[in-house]
Amino acid sequence: EWEVYKEEIKVLYLTKNKSREDVKTAMEENHGFHARFVDHRPLILCVTSFADRYYSKAQYIRKFDQWGFKKNSTDGNWKYIAHKLQKKDLEGKESDTYVNGKLMPRKKVKK
């Protein structure tokens, strides 16, 4: 069921820069899409609304990781980018920098 909504979720989260919680709410309101955790262990008889919300958030986190939907880069990635830009500068070349598929302003990259 997730795959049907993948592109819309991607646009909301990465392009429109919505939070995971906002994406979750939009999907519930617009499509009735409720990500739910189902526990098949015999001792679990019911899931409270708090637990439902908790597991739903966890499912979104897990799915975003699986799809590679990331808004932030690691320190290691930024060091790699800085190294590449320094090399380009030495060669007298300028280039656009994309991080997680998103064009980064030169000012931000130079930080």
PDB file of N, CA and C in Angstrom:
ATOM      1  N   GLU A   1       0.819  -1.200   0.000  1.00  0.00           N
ATOM      2  CA  GLU A   1       0.000   0.000   0.000  1.00  0.00           C
ATOM      3  C   GLU A   1       0.863   1.265   0.000  1.00  0.00           C
ATOM      4  N   TRP A   2       2.019   1.228   0.629  1.00  0.00           N
ATOM      5  CA  TRP A   2       2.898   2.387   0.705  1.00  0.00           C
ATOM      6  C   TRP A   2       3.314   2.870  -0.686  1.00  0.00           C
ATOM      7  N   GLU A   3       3.624   1.930  -1.581  1.00  0.00           N
ATOM      8  CA  GLU A   3       4.166   2.283  -2.898  1.00  0.00           C
ATOM      9  C   GLU A   3       3.211   3.161  -3.701  1.00  0.00           C
ATOM     10  N   VAL A   4       1.913   2.987  -3.511  1.00  0.00           N
ATOM     11  CA  VAL A   4       0.921   3.793  -4.214  1.00  0.00           C
ATOM     12  C   VAL A   4       1.103   5.275  -3.892  1.00  0.00           C
ATOM     13  N   TYR A   5       1.519   5.572  -2.672  1.00  0.00           N
ATOM     14  CA  TYR A   5       1.627   6.948  -2.197  1.00  0.00           C
ATOM     15  C   TYR A   5       3.068   7.472  -2.156  1.00  0.00           C
ATOM     16  N   LYS A   6       4.010   6.677  -2.603  1.00  0.00           N
ATOM     17  CA  LYS A   6       5.431   7.032  -2.467  1.00  0.00           C
ATOM     18  C   LYS A   6       5.747   8.404  -3.068  1.00  0.00           C
ATOM     19  N   GLU A   7       5.327   8.647  -4.298  1.00  0.00           N
ATOM     20  CA  GLU A   7       5.662   9.906  -4.974  1.00  0.00           C
ATOM     21  C   GLU A   7       5.034  11.104  -4.259  1.00  0.00           C
ATOM     22  N   GLU A   8       3.797  10.965  -3.833  1.00  0.00           N
ATOM     23  CA  GLU A   8       3.137  12.065  -3.110  1.00  0.00           C
ATOM     24  C   GLU A   8       3.828  12.334  -1.775  1.00  0.00           C
ATOM     25  N   ILE A   9       4.196  11.274  -1.077  1.00  0.00           N
ATOM     26  CA  ILE A   9       4.909  11.414   0.193  1.00  0.00           C
ATOM     27  C   ILE A   9       6.250  12.103  -0.042  1.00  0.00           C
ATOM     28  N   LYS A  10       6.929  11.725  -1.115  1.00  0.00           N
ATOM     29  CA  LYS A  10       8.223  12.330  -1.449  1.00  0.00           C
ATOM     30  C   LYS A  10       8.074  13.831  -1.692  1.00  0.00           C
ATOM     31  N   VAL A  11       7.066  14.221  -2.446  1.00  0.00           N
ATOM     32  CA  VAL A  11       6.837  15.639  -2.737  1.00  0.00           C
ATOM     33  C   VAL A  11       6.537  16.402  -1.454  1.00  0.00           C
ATOM     34  N   LEU A  12       5.673  15.861  -0.622  1.00  0.00           N
ATOM     35  CA  LEU A  12       5.335  16.541   0.635  1.00  0.00           C
ATOM     36  C   LEU A  12       6.557  16.701   1.528  1.00  0.00           C
ATOM     37  N   TYR A  13       7.314  15.644   1.675  1.00  0.00           N
ATOM     38  CA  TYR A  13       8.429  15.636   2.622  1.00  0.00           C
ATOM     39  C   TYR A  13       9.657  16.375   2.102  1.00  0.00           C
ATOM     40  N   LEU A  14      10.059  16.093   0.866  1.00  0.00           N
ATOM     41  CA  LEU A  14      11.310  16.658   0.355  1.00  0.00           C
ATOM     42  C   LEU A  14      11.120  17.968  -0.414  1.00  0.00           C
ATOM     43  N   THR A  15      10.130  18.026  -1.284  1.00  0.00           N
ATOM     44  CA  THR A  15       9.945  19.223  -2.103  1.00  0.00           C
ATOM     45  C   THR A  15       9.250  20.339  -1.328  1.00  0.00           C
ATOM     46  N   LYS A  16       8.171  19.985  -0.633  1.00  0.00           N
ATOM     47  CA  LYS A  16       7.435  21.004   0.133  1.00  0.00           C
ATOM     48  C   LYS A  16       7.974  21.162   1.546  1.00  0.00           C
ATOM     49  N   ASN A  17       8.972  20.356   1.887  1.00  0.00           N
ATOM     50  CA  ASN A  17       9.673  20.441   3.174  1.00  0.00           C
ATOM     51  C   ASN A  17       8.752  20.295   4.389  1.00  0.00           C
ATOM     52  N   LYS A  18       7.753  19.429   4.277  1.00  0.00           N
ATOM     53  CA  LYS A  18       6.850  19.152   5.404  1.00  0.00           C
ATOM     54  C   LYS A  18       7.537  18.209   6.386  1.00  0.00           C
ATOM     55  N   SER A  19       7.148  18.298   7.648  1.00  0.00           N
ATOM     56  CA  SER A  19       7.682  17.380   8.657  1.00  0.00           C
ATOM     57  C   SER A  19       7.043  16.006   8.458  1.00  0.00           C
ATOM     58  N   ARG A  20       7.633  14.981   9.076  1.00  0.00           N
ATOM     59  CA  ARG A  20       7.044  13.638   8.996  1.00  0.00           C
ATOM     60  C   ARG A  20       5.627  13.651   9.552  1.00  0.00           C
ATOM     61  N   GLU A  21       5.439  14.364  10.648  1.00  0.00           N
ATOM     62  CA  GLU A  21       4.109  14.434  11.269  1.00  0.00           C
ATOM     63  C   GLU A  21       3.104  15.113  10.332  1.00  0.00           C
ATOM     64  N   ASP A  22       3.537  16.172   9.637  1.00  0.00           N
ATOM     65  CA  ASP A  22       2.659  16.846   8.676  1.00  0.00           C
ATOM     66  C   ASP A  22       2.328  15.932   7.494  1.00  0.00           C
ATOM     67  N   VAL A  23       3.297  15.168   7.041  1.00  0.00           N
ATOM     68  CA  VAL A  23       3.066  14.215   5.945  1.00  0.00           C
ATOM     69  C   VAL A  23       2.051  13.171   6.397  1.00  0.00           C
ATOM     70  N   LYS A  24       2.259  12.641   7.592  1.00  0.00           N
ATOM     71  CA  LYS A  24       1.352  11.632   8.152  1.00  0.00           C
ATOM     72  C   LYS A  24      -0.076  12.178   8.217  1.00  0.00           C
ATOM     73  N   THR A  25      -0.226  13.402   8.725  1.00  0.00           N
ATOM     74  CA  THR A  25      -1.542  14.027   8.852  1.00  0.00           C
ATOM     75  C   THR A  25      -2.174  14.243   7.480  1.00  0.00           C
ATOM     76  N   ALA A  26      -1.389  14.748   6.516  1.00  0.00           N
ATOM     77  CA  ALA A  26      -1.909  14.984   5.162  1.00  0.00           C
ATOM     78  C   ALA A  26      -2.382  13.686   4.523  1.00  0.00           C
ATOM     79  N   MET A  27      -1.619  12.619   4.703  1.00  0.00           N
ATOM     80  CA  MET A  27      -1.998  11.338   4.106  1.00  0.00           C
ATOM     81  C   MET A  27      -3.273  10.790   4.744  1.00  0.00           C
ATOM     82  N   GLU A  28      -3.418  10.999   6.045  1.00  0.00           N
ATOM     83  CA  GLU A  28      -4.636  10.554   6.730  1.00  0.00           C
ATOM     84  C   GLU A  28      -5.849  11.356   6.257  1.00  0.00           C
ATOM     85  N   GLU A  29      -5.673  12.684   6.157  1.00  0.00           N
ATOM     86  CA  GLU A  29      -6.793  13.551   5.779  1.00  0.00           C
ATOM     87  C   GLU A  29      -7.172  13.404   4.304  1.00  0.00           C
ATOM     88  N   ASN A  30      -6.181  13.326   3.428  1.00  0.00           N
ATOM     89  CA  ASN A  30      -6.445  13.317   1.986  1.00  0.00           C
ATOM     90  C   ASN A  30      -6.793  11.941   1.419  1.00  0.00           C
ATOM     91  N   HIS A  31      -6.269  10.892   2.043  1.00  0.00           N
ATOM     92  CA  HIS A  31      -6.451   9.554   1.470  1.00  0.00           C
ATOM     93  C   HIS A  31      -6.973   8.525   2.458  1.00  0.00           C
ATOM     94  N   GLY A  32      -7.146   8.915   3.707  1.00  0.00           N
ATOM     95  CA  GLY A  32      -7.548   7.934   4.707  1.00  0.00           C
ATOM     96  C   GLY A  32      -6.455   6.904   4.921  1.00  0.00           C
ATOM     97  N   PHE A  33      -5.208   7.294   4.596  1.00  0.00           N
ATOM     98  CA  PHE A  33      -4.061   6.381   4.700  1.00  0.00           C
ATOM     99  C   PHE A  33      -3.549   6.396   6.124  1.00  0.00           C
ATOM    100  N   HIS A  34      -3.826   5.336   6.849  1.00  0.00           N
ATOM    101  CA  HIS A  34      -3.383   5.213   8.232  1.00  0.00           C
ATOM    102  C   HIS A  34      -2.354   4.100   8.310  1.00  0.00           C
ATOM    103  N   ALA A  35      -1.106   4.485   8.508  1.00  0.00           N
ATOM    104  CA  ALA A  35      -0.065   3.478   8.704  1.00  0.00           C
ATOM    105  C   ALA A  35      -0.268   2.908  10.096  1.00  0.00           C
ATOM    106  N   ARG A  36      -0.410   1.637  10.192  1.00  0.00           N
ATOM    107  CA  ARG A  36      -0.703   1.014  11.483  1.00  0.00           C
ATOM    108  C   ARG A  36       0.284  -0.091  11.782  1.00  0.00           C
ATOM    109  N   PHE A  37       0.507  -0.282  13.051  1.00  0.00           N
ATOM    110  CA  PHE A  37       1.329  -1.381  13.525  1.00  0.00           C
ATOM    111  C   PHE A  37       0.381  -2.487  13.962  1.00  0.00           C
ATOM    112  N   VAL A  38       0.610  -3.666  13.477  1.00  0.00           N
ATOM    113  CA  VAL A  38      -0.203  -4.812  13.881  1.00  0.00           C
ATOM    114  C   VAL A  38       0.704  -5.775  14.624  1.00  0.00           C
ATOM    115  N   ASP A  39       0.359  -6.054  15.850  1.00  0.00           N
ATOM    116  CA  ASP A  39       1.158  -6.954  16.671  1.00  0.00           C
ATOM    117  C   ASP A  39       0.405  -8.273  16.778  1.00  0.00           C
ATOM    118  N   HIS A  40       1.008  -9.311  16.252  1.00  0.00           N
ATOM    119  CA  HIS A  40       0.339 -10.612  16.214  1.00  0.00           C
ATOM    120  C   HIS A  40       0.679 -11.494  17.419  1.00  0.00           C
ATOM    121  N   ARG A  41       1.409 -10.949  18.377  1.00  0.00           N
ATOM    122  CA  ARG A  41       1.714 -11.746  19.560  1.00  0.00           C
ATOM    123  C   ARG A  41       0.429 -11.984  20.353  1.00  0.00           C
ATOM    124  N   PRO A  42       0.232 -13.177  20.888  1.00  0.00           N
ATOM    125  CA  PRO A  42      -1.031 -13.524  21.540  1.00  0.00           C
ATOM    126  C   PRO A  42      -1.348 -12.703  22.793  1.00  0.00           C
ATOM    127  N   LEU A  43      -0.345 -12.165  23.473  1.00  0.00           N
ATOM    128  CA  LEU A  43      -0.618 -11.426  24.707  1.00  0.00           C
ATOM    129  C   LEU A  43      -1.026  -9.981  24.469  1.00  0.00           C
ATOM    130  N   ILE A  44      -0.858  -9.485  23.262  1.00  0.00           N
ATOM    131  CA  ILE A  44      -1.253  -8.116  22.953  1.00  0.00           C
ATOM    132  C   ILE A  44      -2.706  -8.152  22.489  1.00  0.00           C
ATOM    133  N   LEU A  45      -3.587  -7.597  23.289  1.00  0.00           N
ATOM    134  CA  LEU A  45      -5.009  -7.675  22.976  1.00  0.00           C
ATOM    135  C   LEU A  45      -5.517  -6.426  22.271  1.00  0.00           C
ATOM    136  N   CYS A  46      -4.923  -5.272  22.587  1.00  0.00           N
ATOM    137  CA  CYS A  46      -5.380  -4.053  21.938  1.00  0.00           C
ATOM    138  C   CYS A  46      -4.212  -3.084  21.834  1.00  0.00           C
ATOM    139  N   VAL A  47      -4.382  -2.106  20.984  1.00  0.00           N
ATOM    140  CA  VAL A  47      -3.371  -1.082  20.809  1.00  0.00           C
ATOM    141  C   VAL A  47      -4.028   0.252  21.150  1.00  0.00           C
ATOM    142  N   THR A  48      -3.472   0.961  22.089  1.00  0.00           N
ATOM    143  CA  THR A  48      -4.059   2.244  22.485  1.00  0.00           C
ATOM    144  C   THR A  48      -3.765   3.280  21.419  1.00  0.00           C
ATOM    145  N   SER A  49      -4.468   4.407  21.485  1.00  0.00           N
ATOM    146  CA  SER A  49      -4.239   5.462  20.499  1.00  0.00           C
ATOM    147  C   SER A  49      -2.810   5.986  20.601  1.00  0.00           C
ATOM    148  N   PHE A  50      -2.245   6.057  21.802  1.00  0.00           N
ATOM    149  CA  PHE A  50      -0.857   6.509  21.958  1.00  0.00           C
ATOM    150  C   PHE A  50       0.084   5.542  21.256  1.00  0.00           C
ATOM    151  N   ALA A  51      -0.095   4.259  21.477  1.00  0.00           N
ATOM    152  CA  ALA A  51       0.773   3.263  20.848  1.00  0.00           C
ATOM    153  C   ALA A  51       0.586   3.289  19.335  1.00  0.00           C
ATOM    154  N   ASP A  52      -0.645   3.488  18.887  1.00  0.00           N
ATOM    155  CA  ASP A  52      -0.920   3.547  17.458  1.00  0.00           C
ATOM    156  C   ASP A  52      -0.152   4.703  16.827  1.00  0.00           C
ATOM    157  N   ARG A  53      -0.189   5.853  17.482  1.00  0.00           N
ATOM    158  CA  ARG A  53       0.526   7.022  16.965  1.00  0.00           C
ATOM    159  C   ARG A  53       2.030   6.758  16.973  1.00  0.00           C
ATOM    160  N   TYR A  54       2.510   6.161  18.031  1.00  0.00           N
ATOM    161  CA  TYR A  54       3.938   5.863  18.155  1.00  0.00           C
ATOM    162  C   TYR A  54       4.396   4.947  17.028  1.00  0.00           C
ATOM    163  N   TYR A  55       3.679   3.876  16.809  1.00  0.00           N
ATOM    164  CA  TYR A  55       4.093   2.925  15.789  1.00  0.00           C
ATOM    165  C   TYR A  55       3.920   3.506  14.387  1.00  0.00           C
ATOM    166  N   SER A  56       2.915   4.325  14.202  1.00  0.00           N
ATOM    167  CA  SER A  56       2.715   4.949  12.917  1.00  0.00           C
ATOM    168  C   SER A  56       3.907   5.843  12.580  1.00  0.00           C
ATOM    169  N   LYS A  57       4.367   6.618  13.554  1.00  0.00           N
ATOM    170  CA  LYS A  57       5.536   7.473  13.346  1.00  0.00           C
ATOM    171  C   LYS A  57       6.758   6.615  13.017  1.00  0.00           C
ATOM    172  N   ALA A  58       6.919   5.531  13.735  1.00  0.00           N
ATOM    173  CA  ALA A  58       8.050   4.628  13.499  1.00  0.00           C
ATOM    174  C   ALA A  58       7.985   4.045  12.089  1.00  0.00           C
ATOM    175  N   GLN A  59       6.784   3.744  11.623  1.00  0.00           N
ATOM    176  CA  GLN A  59       6.650   3.198  10.280  1.00  0.00           C
ATOM    177  C   GLN A  59       7.062   4.226   9.230  1.00  0.00           C
ATOM    178  N   TYR A  60       6.665   5.470   9.440  1.00  0.00           N
ATOM    179  CA  TYR A  60       7.076   6.514   8.503  1.00  0.00           C
ATOM    180  C   TYR A  60       8.598   6.661   8.507  1.00  0.00           C
ATOM    181  N   ILE A  61       9.202   6.675   9.665  1.00  0.00           N
ATOM    182  CA  ILE A  61      10.662   6.795   9.774  1.00  0.00           C
ATOM    183  C   ILE A  61      11.335   5.650   9.033  1.00  0.00           C
ATOM    184  N   ARG A  62      10.865   4.446   9.278  1.00  0.00           N
ATOM    185  CA  ARG A  62      11.445   3.256   8.642  1.00  0.00           C
ATOM    186  C   ARG A  62      11.280   3.319   7.115  1.00  0.00           C
ATOM    187  N   LYS A  63      10.104   3.712   6.663  1.00  0.00           N
ATOM    188  CA  LYS A  63       9.840   3.768   5.226  1.00  0.00           C
ATOM    189  C   LYS A  63      10.671   4.866   4.569  1.00  0.00           C
ATOM    190  N   PHE A  64      10.800   6.023   5.200  1.00  0.00           N
ATOM    191  CA  PHE A  64      11.615   7.108   4.645  1.00  0.00           C
ATOM    192  C   PHE A  64      13.066   6.666   4.527  1.00  0.00           C
ATOM    193  N   ASP A  65      13.558   5.970   5.531  1.00  0.00           N
ATOM    194  CA  ASP A  65      14.929   5.443   5.484  1.00  0.00           C
ATOM    195  C   ASP A  65      15.077   4.444   4.344  1.00  0.00           C
ATOM    196  N   GLN A  66      14.107   3.567   4.203  1.00  0.00           N
ATOM    197  CA  GLN A  66      14.134   2.545   3.152  1.00  0.00           C
ATOM    198  C   GLN A  66      14.138   3.196   1.766  1.00  0.00           C
ATOM    199  N   TRP A  67      13.367   4.264   1.587  1.00  0.00           N
ATOM    200  CA  TRP A  67      13.290   4.952   0.309  1.00  0.00           C
ATOM    201  C   TRP A  67      14.438   5.937   0.097  1.00  0.00           C
ATOM    202  N   GLY A  68      15.212   6.211   1.133  1.00  0.00           N
ATOM    203  CA  GLY A  68      16.315   7.163   1.016  1.00  0.00           C
ATOM    204  C   GLY A  68      15.862   8.613   1.072  1.00  0.00           C
ATOM    205  N   PHE A  69      14.707   8.883   1.696  1.00  0.00           N
ATOM    206  CA  PHE A  69      14.209  10.249   1.836  1.00  0.00           C
ATOM    207  C   PHE A  69      14.913  10.894   3.022  1.00  0.00           C
ATOM    208  N   LYS A  70      15.915  11.708   2.738  1.00  0.00           N
ATOM    209  CA  LYS A  70      16.683  12.352   3.802  1.00  0.00           C
ATOM    210  C   LYS A  70      16.727  13.847   3.553  1.00  0.00           C
ATOM    211  N   LYS A  71      16.570  14.603   4.626  1.00  0.00           N
ATOM    212  CA  LYS A  71      16.650  16.060   4.525  1.00  0.00           C
ATOM    213  C   LYS A  71      18.022  16.561   4.953  1.00  0.00           C
ATOM    214  N   ASN A  72      18.675  15.853   5.819  1.00  0.00           N
ATOM    215  CA  ASN A  72      19.949  16.301   6.362  1.00  0.00           C
ATOM    216  C   ASN A  72      21.062  15.344   5.962  1.00  0.00           C
ATOM    217  N   SER A  73      22.257  15.904   5.851  1.00  0.00           N
ATOM    218  CA  SER A  73      23.417  15.084   5.522  1.00  0.00           C
ATOM    219  C   SER A  73      24.289  14.897   6.750  1.00  0.00           C
ATOM    220  N   THR A  74      25.070  13.864   6.714  1.00  0.00           N
ATOM    221  CA  THR A  74      25.974  13.589   7.826  1.00  0.00           C
ATOM    222  C   THR A  74      27.196  14.489   7.747  1.00  0.00           C
ATOM    223  N   ASP A  75      27.922  14.561   8.837  1.00  0.00           N
ATOM    224  CA  ASP A  75      29.155  15.331   8.883  1.00  0.00           C
ATOM    225  C   ASP A  75      30.141  14.820   7.835  1.00  0.00           C
ATOM    226  N   GLY A  76      30.194  13.525   7.678  1.00  0.00           N
ATOM    227  CA  GLY A  76      31.080  12.920   6.684  1.00  0.00           C
ATOM    228  C   GLY A  76      30.746  13.363   5.266  1.00  0.00           C
ATOM    229  N   ASN A  77      29.451  13.441   4.958  1.00  0.00           N
ATOM    230  CA  ASN A  77      29.036  13.911   3.631  1.00  0.00           C
ATOM    231  C   ASN A  77      29.470  15.344   3.390  1.00  0.00           C
ATOM    232  N   TRP A  78      29.290  16.197   4.409  1.00  0.00           N
ATOM    233  CA  TRP A  78      29.674  17.606   4.259  1.00  0.00           C
ATOM    234  C   TRP A  78      31.184  17.747   4.073  1.00  0.00           C
ATOM    235  N   LYS A  79      31.952  16.928   4.766  1.00  0.00           N
ATOM    236  CA  LYS A  79      33.414  16.974   4.595  1.00  0.00           C
ATOM    237  C   LYS A  79      33.797  16.565   3.175  1.00  0.00           C
ATOM    238  N   TYR A  80      33.137  15.549   2.659  1.00  0.00           N
ATOM    239  CA  TYR A  80      33.385  15.091   1.294  1.00  0.00           C
ATOM    240  C   TYR A  80      33.036  16.198   0.297  1.00  0.00           C
ATOM    241  N   ILE A  81      31.886  16.838   0.493  1.00  0.00           N
ATOM    242  CA  ILE A  81      31.456  17.934  -0.384  1.00  0.00           C
ATOM    243  C   ILE A  81      32.469  19.075  -0.335  1.00  0.00           C
ATOM    244  N   ALA A  82      32.919  19.444   0.870  1.00  0.00           N
ATOM    245  CA  ALA A  82      33.895  20.527   1.032  1.00  0.00           C
ATOM    246  C   ALA A  82      35.185  20.195   0.287  1.00  0.00           C
ATOM    247  N   HIS A  83      35.622  18.957   0.391  1.00  0.00           N
ATOM    248  CA  HIS A  83      36.847  18.521  -0.304  1.00  0.00           C
ATOM    249  C   HIS A  83      36.686  18.660  -1.819  1.00  0.00           C
ATOM    250  N   LYS A  84      35.552  18.203  -2.335  1.00  0.00           N
ATOM    251  CA  LYS A  84      35.297  18.273  -3.779  1.00  0.00           C
ATOM    252  C   LYS A  84      35.227  19.724  -4.251  1.00  0.00           C
ATOM    253  N   LEU A  85      34.576  20.591  -3.463  1.00  0.00           N
ATOM    254  CA  LEU A  85      34.472  21.998  -3.842  1.00  0.00           C
ATOM    255  C   LEU A  85      35.832  22.685  -3.816  1.00  0.00           C
ATOM    256  N   GLN A  86      36.640  22.334  -2.836  1.00  0.00           N
ATOM    257  CA  GLN A  86      37.975  22.909  -2.739  1.00  0.00           C
ATOM    258  C   GLN A  86      38.796  22.518  -3.984  1.00  0.00           C
ATOM    259  N   LYS A  87      38.661  21.283  -4.394  1.00  0.00           N
ATOM    260  CA  LYS A  87      39.357  20.799  -5.578  1.00  0.00           C
ATOM    261  C   LYS A  87      38.892  21.559  -6.827  1.00  0.00           C
ATOM    262  N   LYS A  88      37.578  21.761  -6.949  1.00  0.00           N
ATOM    263  CA  LYS A  88      37.022  22.509  -8.088  1.00  0.00           C
ATOM    264  C   LYS A  88      37.531  23.948  -8.082  1.00  0.00           C
ATOM    265  N   ASP A  89      37.579  24.569  -6.884  1.00  0.00           N
ATOM    266  CA  ASP A  89      38.067  25.947  -6.757  1.00  0.00           C
ATOM    267  C   ASP A  89      39.515  26.052  -7.227  1.00  0.00           C
ATOM    268  N   LEU A  90      40.337  25.080  -6.860  1.00  0.00           N
ATOM    269  CA  LEU A  90      41.738  25.077  -7.269  1.00  0.00           C
ATOM    270  C   LEU A  90      41.880  24.947  -8.788  1.00  0.00           C
ATOM    271  N   GLU A  91      40.918  24.260  -9.393  1.00  0.00           N
ATOM    272  CA  GLU A  91      40.918  24.093 -10.849  1.00  0.00           C
ATOM    273  C   GLU A  91      40.278  25.289 -11.551  1.00  0.00           C
ATOM    274  N   GLY A  92      39.758  26.239 -10.751  1.00  0.00           N
ATOM    275  CA  GLY A  92      39.097  27.416 -11.313  1.00  0.00           C
ATOM    276  C   GLY A  92      37.720  27.132 -11.878  1.00  0.00           C
ATOM    277  N   LYS A  93      37.099  26.061 -11.406  1.00  0.00           N
ATOM    278  CA  LYS A  93      35.771  25.672 -11.895  1.00  0.00           C
ATOM    279  C   LYS A  93      34.725  25.940 -10.813  1.00  0.00           C
ATOM    280  N   GLU A  94      33.549  26.338 -11.257  1.00  0.00           N
ATOM    281  CA  GLU A  94      32.418  26.475 -10.343  1.00  0.00           C
ATOM    282  C   GLU A  94      31.386  25.432 -10.719  1.00  0.00           C
ATOM    283  N   SER A  95      30.720  24.889  -9.736  1.00  0.00           N
ATOM    284  CA  SER A  95      29.696  23.898 -10.041  1.00  0.00           C
ATOM    285  C   SER A  95      28.568  24.000  -9.028  1.00  0.00           C
ATOM    286  N   ASP A  96      27.407  23.532  -9.451  1.00  0.00           N
ATOM    287  CA  ASP A  96      26.264  23.464  -8.554  1.00  0.00           C
ATOM    288  C   ASP A  96      26.439  22.262  -7.646  1.00  0.00           C
ATOM    289  N   THR A  97      25.924  22.372  -6.437  1.00  0.00           N
ATOM    290  CA  THR A  97      26.025  21.275  -5.481  1.00  0.00           C
ATOM    291  C   THR A  97      24.629  20.779  -5.137  1.00  0.00           C
ATOM    292  N   TYR A  98      24.423  19.499  -5.324  1.00  0.00           N
ATOM    293  CA  TYR A  98      23.148  18.865  -4.984  1.00  0.00           C
ATOM    294  C   TYR A  98      23.381  17.930  -3.815  1.00  0.00           C
ATOM    295  N   VAL A  99      22.525  18.032  -2.812  1.00  0.00           N
ATOM    296  CA  VAL A  99      22.584  17.146  -1.651  1.00  0.00           C
ATOM    297  C   VAL A  99      21.214  16.485  -1.526  1.00  0.00           C
ATOM    298  N   ASN A 100      21.213  15.162  -1.541  1.00  0.00           N
ATOM    299  CA  ASN A 100      19.967  14.396  -1.500  1.00  0.00           C
ATOM    300  C   ASN A 100      19.000  14.841  -2.597  1.00  0.00           C
ATOM    301  N   GLY A 101      19.558  15.143  -3.774  1.00  0.00           N
ATOM    302  CA  GLY A 101      18.740  15.521  -4.914  1.00  0.00           C
ATOM    303  C   GLY A 101      18.260  16.960  -4.910  1.00  0.00           C
ATOM    304  N   LYS A 102      18.719  17.758  -3.983  1.00  0.00           N
ATOM    305  CA  LYS A 102      18.254  19.131  -3.833  1.00  0.00           C
ATOM    306  C   LYS A 102      19.419  20.095  -4.054  1.00  0.00           C
ATOM    307  N   LEU A 103      19.211  21.102  -4.912  1.00  0.00           N
ATOM    308  CA  LEU A 103      20.240  22.094  -5.176  1.00  0.00           C
ATOM    309  C   LEU A 103      20.484  22.924  -3.918  1.00  0.00           C
ATOM    310  N   MET A 104      21.737  22.970  -3.491  1.00  0.00           N
ATOM    311  CA  MET A 104      22.094  23.718  -2.282  1.00  0.00           C
ATOM    312  C   MET A 104      22.655  25.082  -2.672  1.00  0.00           C
ATOM    313  N   PRO A 105      22.218  26.133  -1.985  1.00  0.00           N
ATOM    314  CA  PRO A 105      22.778  27.456  -2.257  1.00  0.00           C
ATOM    315  C   PRO A 105      24.274  27.461  -1.939  1.00  0.00           C
ATOM    316  N   ARG A 106      25.039  28.135  -2.783  1.00  0.00           N
ATOM    317  CA  ARG A 106      26.497  28.191  -2.622  1.00  0.00           C
ATOM    318  C   ARG A 106      26.882  28.683  -1.226  1.00  0.00           C
ATOM    319  N   LYS A 107      26.131  29.649  -0.721  1.00  0.00           N
ATOM    320  CA  LYS A 107      26.388  30.218   0.608  1.00  0.00           C
ATOM    321  C   LYS A 107      26.326  29.138   1.694  1.00  0.00           C
ATOM    322  N   LYS A 108      25.310  28.305   1.614  1.00  0.00           N
ATOM    323  CA  LYS A 108      25.145  27.247   2.623  1.00  0.00           C
ATOM    324  C   LYS A 108      26.252  26.212   2.515  1.00  0.00           C
ATOM    325  N   VAL A 109      26.633  25.876   1.305  1.00  0.00           N
ATOM    326  CA  VAL A 109      27.657  24.863   1.091  1.00  0.00           C
ATOM    327  C   VAL A 109      29.009  25.365   1.591  1.00  0.00           C
ATOM    328  N   LYS A 110      29.275  26.653   1.441  1.00  0.00           N
ATOM    329  CA  LYS A 110      30.549  27.224   1.851  1.00  0.00           C
ATOM    330  C   LYS A 110      30.710  27.309   3.367  1.00  0.00           C
ATOM    331  N   LYS A 111      29.606  27.202   4.117  1.00  0.00           N
ATOM    332  CA  LYS A 111      29.678  27.237   5.596  1.00  0.00           C
ATOM    333  C   LYS A 111      30.603  26.196   6.029  1.00  0.00           C
TER     334      LYS A 111
END
